[in-house]
């Protein structure tokens, strides 16, 4: 529902994010400011499962 509300409000350039247990609207600049990466060993584990 939060995503459809975001679109209905025409808040382009934002996304819906989970902050703890709260759903929040976040600008792309904020969301991409501190990217999180998957460690290579974790990625390799998933390749075994998903190919």
PDB file of N, CA and C in Angstrom:
ATOM      1  N   UNK A   1       0.807  -1.185   0.000  1.00  0.00           N
ATOM      2  CA  UNK A   1       0.000   0.000   0.000  1.00  0.00           C
ATOM      3  C   UNK A   1       0.860   1.263   0.000  1.00  0.00           C
ATOM      4  N   UNK A   2       1.973   1.234   0.698  1.00  0.00           N
ATOM      5  CA  UNK A   2       2.819   2.425   0.790  1.00  0.00           C
ATOM      6  C   UNK A   2       3.337   2.837  -0.581  1.00  0.00           C
ATOM      7  N   UNK A   3       3.634   1.867  -1.427  1.00  0.00           N
ATOM      8  CA  UNK A   3       4.143   2.185  -2.767  1.00  0.00           C
ATOM      9  C   UNK A   3       3.049   2.827  -3.606  1.00  0.00           C
ATOM     10  N   UNK A   4       1.835   2.297  -3.537  1.00  0.00           N
ATOM     11  CA  UNK A   4       0.753   2.889  -4.321  1.00  0.00           C
ATOM     12  C   UNK A   4       0.434   4.301  -3.824  1.00  0.00           C
ATOM     13  N   UNK A   5       0.541   4.540  -2.521  1.00  0.00           N
ATOM     14  CA  UNK A   5       0.345   5.885  -1.986  1.00  0.00           C
ATOM     15  C   UNK A   5       1.426   6.834  -2.501  1.00  0.00           C
ATOM     16  N   UNK A   6       2.645   6.336  -2.574  1.00  0.00           N
ATOM     17  CA  UNK A   6       3.761   7.138  -3.071  1.00  0.00           C
ATOM     18  C   UNK A   6       3.511   7.572  -4.515  1.00  0.00           C
ATOM     19  N   UNK A   7       3.049   6.632  -5.335  1.00  0.00           N
ATOM     20  CA  UNK A   7       2.754   6.934  -6.741  1.00  0.00           C
ATOM     21  C   UNK A   7       1.565   7.885  -6.840  1.00  0.00           C
ATOM     22  N   UNK A   8       0.524   7.637  -6.056  1.00  0.00           N
ATOM     23  CA  UNK A   8      -0.656   8.511  -6.089  1.00  0.00           C
ATOM     24  C   UNK A   8      -0.289   9.951  -5.715  1.00  0.00           C
ATOM     25  N   UNK A   9       0.677  10.100  -4.807  1.00  0.00           N
ATOM     26  CA  UNK A   9       1.135  11.432  -4.399  1.00  0.00           C
ATOM     27  C   UNK A   9       2.173  12.006  -5.358  1.00  0.00           C
ATOM     28  N   UNK A  10       2.505  11.246  -6.404  1.00  0.00           N
ATOM     29  CA  UNK A  10       3.471  11.650  -7.436  1.00  0.00           C
ATOM     30  C   UNK A  10       4.806  12.074  -6.833  1.00  0.00           C
ATOM     31  N   UNK A  11       5.277  11.305  -5.881  1.00  0.00           N
ATOM     32  CA  UNK A  11       6.583  11.594  -5.270  1.00  0.00           C
ATOM     33  C   UNK A  11       7.673  10.851  -6.036  1.00  0.00           C
ATOM     34  N   UNK A  12       7.885  11.301  -7.261  1.00  0.00           N
ATOM     35  CA  UNK A  12       8.894  10.693  -8.122  1.00  0.00           C
ATOM     36  C   UNK A  12      10.277  10.942  -7.513  1.00  0.00           C
ATOM     37  N   UNK A  13      11.178   9.983  -7.680  1.00  0.00           N
ATOM     38  CA  UNK A  13      12.515  10.124  -7.123  1.00  0.00           C
ATOM     39  C   UNK A  13      12.591   9.655  -5.680  1.00  0.00           C
ATOM     40  N   UNK A  14      11.537   8.996  -5.206  1.00  0.00           N
ATOM     41  CA  UNK A  14      11.510   8.448  -3.856  1.00  0.00           C
ATOM     42  C   UNK A  14      11.209   6.957  -3.921  1.00  0.00           C
ATOM     43  N   UNK A  15      11.471   6.288  -2.846  1.00  0.00           N
ATOM     44  CA  UNK A  15      11.165   4.866  -2.720  1.00  0.00           C
ATOM     45  C   UNK A  15      10.643   4.611  -1.318  1.00  0.00           C
ATOM     46  N   UNK A  16      10.080   3.438  -1.124  1.00  0.00           N
ATOM     47  CA  UNK A  16       9.590   3.036   0.181  1.00  0.00           C
ATOM     48  C   UNK A  16      10.666   2.183   0.837  1.00  0.00           C
ATOM     49  N   UNK A  17      10.956   2.475   2.090  1.00  0.00           N
ATOM     50  CA  UNK A  17      11.993   1.736   2.822  1.00  0.00           C
ATOM     51  C   UNK A  17      11.465   1.343   4.197  1.00  0.00           C
ATOM     52  N   UNK A  18      12.086   0.340   4.754  1.00  0.00           N
ATOM     53  CA  UNK A  18      11.743  -0.115   6.092  1.00  0.00           C
ATOM     54  C   UNK A  18      12.807   0.376   7.057  1.00  0.00           C
ATOM     55  N   UNK A  19      12.398   1.164   8.030  1.00  0.00           N
ATOM     56  CA  UNK A  19      13.278   1.670   9.087  1.00  0.00           C
ATOM     57  C   UNK A  19      12.809   1.017  10.387  1.00  0.00           C
ATOM     58  N   UNK A  20      13.477  -0.065  10.772  1.00  0.00           N
ATOM     59  CA  UNK A  20      13.003  -0.820  11.931  1.00  0.00           C
ATOM     60  C   UNK A  20      11.662  -1.437  11.583  1.00  0.00           C
ATOM     61  N   UNK A  21      10.607  -1.011  12.254  1.00  0.00           N
ATOM     62  CA  UNK A  21       9.264  -1.504  11.942  1.00  0.00           C
ATOM     63  C   UNK A  21       8.413  -0.444  11.248  1.00  0.00           C
ATOM     64  N   UNK A  22       9.008   0.699  10.926  1.00  0.00           N
ATOM     65  CA  UNK A  22       8.282   1.788  10.278  1.00  0.00           C
ATOM     66  C   UNK A  22       8.545   1.795   8.782  1.00  0.00           C
ATOM     67  N   UNK A  23       7.494   2.063   8.012  1.00  0.00           N
ATOM     68  CA  UNK A  23       7.626   2.227   6.574  1.00  0.00           C
ATOM     69  C   UNK A  23       7.781   3.717   6.307  1.00  0.00           C
ATOM     70  N   UNK A  24       8.824   4.080   5.563  1.00  0.00           N
ATOM     71  CA  UNK A  24       9.122   5.494   5.335  1.00  0.00           C
ATOM     72  C   UNK A  24       9.376   5.741   3.856  1.00  0.00           C
ATOM     73  N   UNK A  25       9.137   6.974   3.443  1.00  0.00           N
ATOM     74  CA  UNK A  25       9.479   7.413   2.096  1.00  0.00           C
ATOM     75  C   UNK A  25      10.878   7.999   2.146  1.00  0.00           C
ATOM     76  N   UNK A  26      11.717   7.548   1.226  1.00  0.00           N
ATOM     77  CA  UNK A  26      13.116   7.961   1.224  1.00  0.00           C
ATOM     78  C   UNK A  26      13.480   8.403  -0.184  1.00  0.00           C
ATOM     79  N   UNK A  27      14.191   9.521  -0.281  1.00  0.00           N
ATOM     80  CA  UNK A  27      14.682   9.976  -1.572  1.00  0.00           C
ATOM     81  C   UNK A  27      15.797   9.069  -2.073  1.00  0.00           C
ATOM     82  N   UNK A  28      15.924   8.957  -3.381  1.00  0.00           N
ATOM     83  CA  UNK A  28      16.965   8.099  -3.952  1.00  0.00           C
ATOM     84  C   UNK A  28      18.356   8.522  -3.497  1.00  0.00           C
ATOM     85  N   UNK A  29      18.587   9.824  -3.395  1.00  0.00           N
ATOM     86  CA  UNK A  29      19.910  10.286  -2.969  1.00  0.00           C
ATOM     87  C   UNK A  29      20.255   9.749  -1.586  1.00  0.00           C
ATOM     88  N   UNK A  30      19.305   9.792  -0.668  1.00  0.00           N
ATOM     89  CA  UNK A  30      19.538   9.260   0.678  1.00  0.00           C
ATOM     90  C   UNK A  30      19.714   7.747   0.643  1.00  0.00           C
ATOM     91  N   UNK A  31      18.877   7.076  -0.146  1.00  0.00           N
ATOM     92  CA  UNK A  31      18.918   5.613  -0.204  1.00  0.00           C
ATOM     93  C   UNK A  31      20.238   5.100  -0.783  1.00  0.00           C
ATOM     94  N   UNK A  32      20.807   5.844  -1.717  1.00  0.00           N
ATOM     95  CA  UNK A  32      22.020   5.396  -2.393  1.00  0.00           C
ATOM     96  C   UNK A  32      23.297   5.999  -1.823  1.00  0.00           C
ATOM     97  N   UNK A  33      23.170   6.829  -0.799  1.00  0.00           N
ATOM     98  CA  UNK A  33      24.333   7.508  -0.231  1.00  0.00           C
ATOM     99  C   UNK A  33      25.319   6.539   0.423  1.00  0.00           C
ATOM    100  N   UNK A  34      24.826   5.492   1.041  1.00  0.00           N
ATOM    101  CA  UNK A  34      25.679   4.532   1.746  1.00  0.00           C
ATOM    102  C   UNK A  34      25.296   3.119   1.314  1.00  0.00           C
ATOM    103  N   UNK A  35      25.749   2.688   0.121  1.00  0.00           N
ATOM    104  CA  UNK A  35      25.316   1.379  -0.384  1.00  0.00           C
ATOM    105  C   UNK A  35      25.827   0.232   0.483  1.00  0.00           C
ATOM    106  N   UNK A  36      25.019  -0.812   0.523  1.00  0.00           N
ATOM    107  CA  UNK A  36      25.395  -2.032   1.243  1.00  0.00           C
ATOM    108  C   UNK A  36      25.733  -3.089   0.194  1.00  0.00           C
ATOM    109  N   UNK A  37      26.767  -3.834   0.452  1.00  0.00           N
ATOM    110  CA  UNK A  37      27.218  -4.836  -0.503  1.00  0.00           C
ATOM    111  C   UNK A  37      27.082  -6.233   0.084  1.00  0.00           C
ATOM    112  N   UNK A  38      26.823  -7.201  -0.793  1.00  0.00           N
ATOM    113  CA  UNK A  38      26.779  -8.597  -0.391  1.00  0.00           C
ATOM    114  C   UNK A  38      28.208  -9.119  -0.428  1.00  0.00           C
ATOM    115  N   UNK A  39      28.693  -9.706   0.681  1.00  0.00           N
ATOM    116  CA  UNK A  39      30.045 -10.255   0.663  1.00  0.00           C
ATOM    117  C   UNK A  39      30.161 -11.346  -0.412  1.00  0.00           C
ATOM    118  N   UNK A  40      31.306 -11.406  -1.078  1.00  0.00           N
ATOM    119  CA  UNK A  40      31.501 -12.347  -2.174  1.00  0.00           C
ATOM    120  C   UNK A  40      31.230 -13.788  -1.760  1.00  0.00           C
ATOM    121  N   UNK A  41      31.639 -14.168  -0.557  1.00  0.00           N
ATOM    122  CA  UNK A  41      31.414 -15.559  -0.137  1.00  0.00           C
ATOM    123  C   UNK A  41      29.920 -15.871  -0.026  1.00  0.00           C
ATOM    124  N   UNK A  42      29.118 -14.904   0.364  1.00  0.00           N
ATOM    125  CA  UNK A  42      27.664 -15.101   0.461  1.00  0.00           C
ATOM    126  C   UNK A  42      27.063 -15.244  -0.932  1.00  0.00           C
ATOM    127  N   UNK A  43      27.557 -14.433  -1.852  1.00  0.00           N
ATOM    128  CA  UNK A  43      27.109 -14.509  -3.238  1.00  0.00           C
ATOM    129  C   UNK A  43      27.432 -15.884  -3.826  1.00  0.00           C
ATOM    130  N   UNK A  44      28.625 -16.396  -3.549  1.00  0.00           N
ATOM    131  CA  UNK A  44      29.017 -17.711  -4.057  1.00  0.00           C
ATOM    132  C   UNK A  44      28.138 -18.811  -3.477  1.00  0.00           C
ATOM    133  N   UNK A  45      27.754 -18.695  -2.205  1.00  0.00           N
ATOM    134  CA  UNK A  45      26.848 -19.676  -1.596  1.00  0.00           C
ATOM    135  C   UNK A  45      25.514 -19.711  -2.343  1.00  0.00           C
ATOM    136  N   UNK A  46      24.994 -18.560  -2.693  1.00  0.00           N
ATOM    137  CA  UNK A  46      23.703 -18.485  -3.370  1.00  0.00           C
ATOM    138  C   UNK A  46      23.789 -18.995  -4.806  1.00  0.00           C
ATOM    139  N   UNK A  47      24.957 -18.852  -5.431  1.00  0.00           N
ATOM    140  CA  UNK A  47      25.125 -19.373  -6.798  1.00  0.00           C
ATOM    141  C   UNK A  47      24.953 -20.887  -6.801  1.00  0.00           C
ATOM    142  N   UNK A  48      25.392 -21.541  -5.743  1.00  0.00           N
ATOM    143  CA  UNK A  48      25.241 -23.007  -5.657  1.00  0.00           C
ATOM    144  C   UNK A  48      23.758 -23.360  -5.615  1.00  0.00           C
ATOM    145  N   UNK A  49      22.985 -22.592  -4.913  1.00  0.00           N
ATOM    146  CA  UNK A  49      21.553 -22.874  -4.771  1.00  0.00           C
ATOM    147  C   UNK A  49      20.771 -22.498  -6.020  1.00  0.00           C
ATOM    148  N   UNK A  50      21.033 -21.292  -6.562  1.00  0.00           N
ATOM    149  CA  UNK A  50      20.215 -20.775  -7.655  1.00  0.00           C
ATOM    150  C   UNK A  50      20.841 -20.882  -9.040  1.00  0.00           C
ATOM    151  N   UNK A  51      22.101 -21.307  -9.087  1.00  0.00           N
ATOM    152  CA  UNK A  51      22.735 -21.501 -10.378  1.00  0.00           C
ATOM    153  C   UNK A  51      23.393 -20.360 -10.976  1.00  0.00           C
TER     154      UNK A  51
END
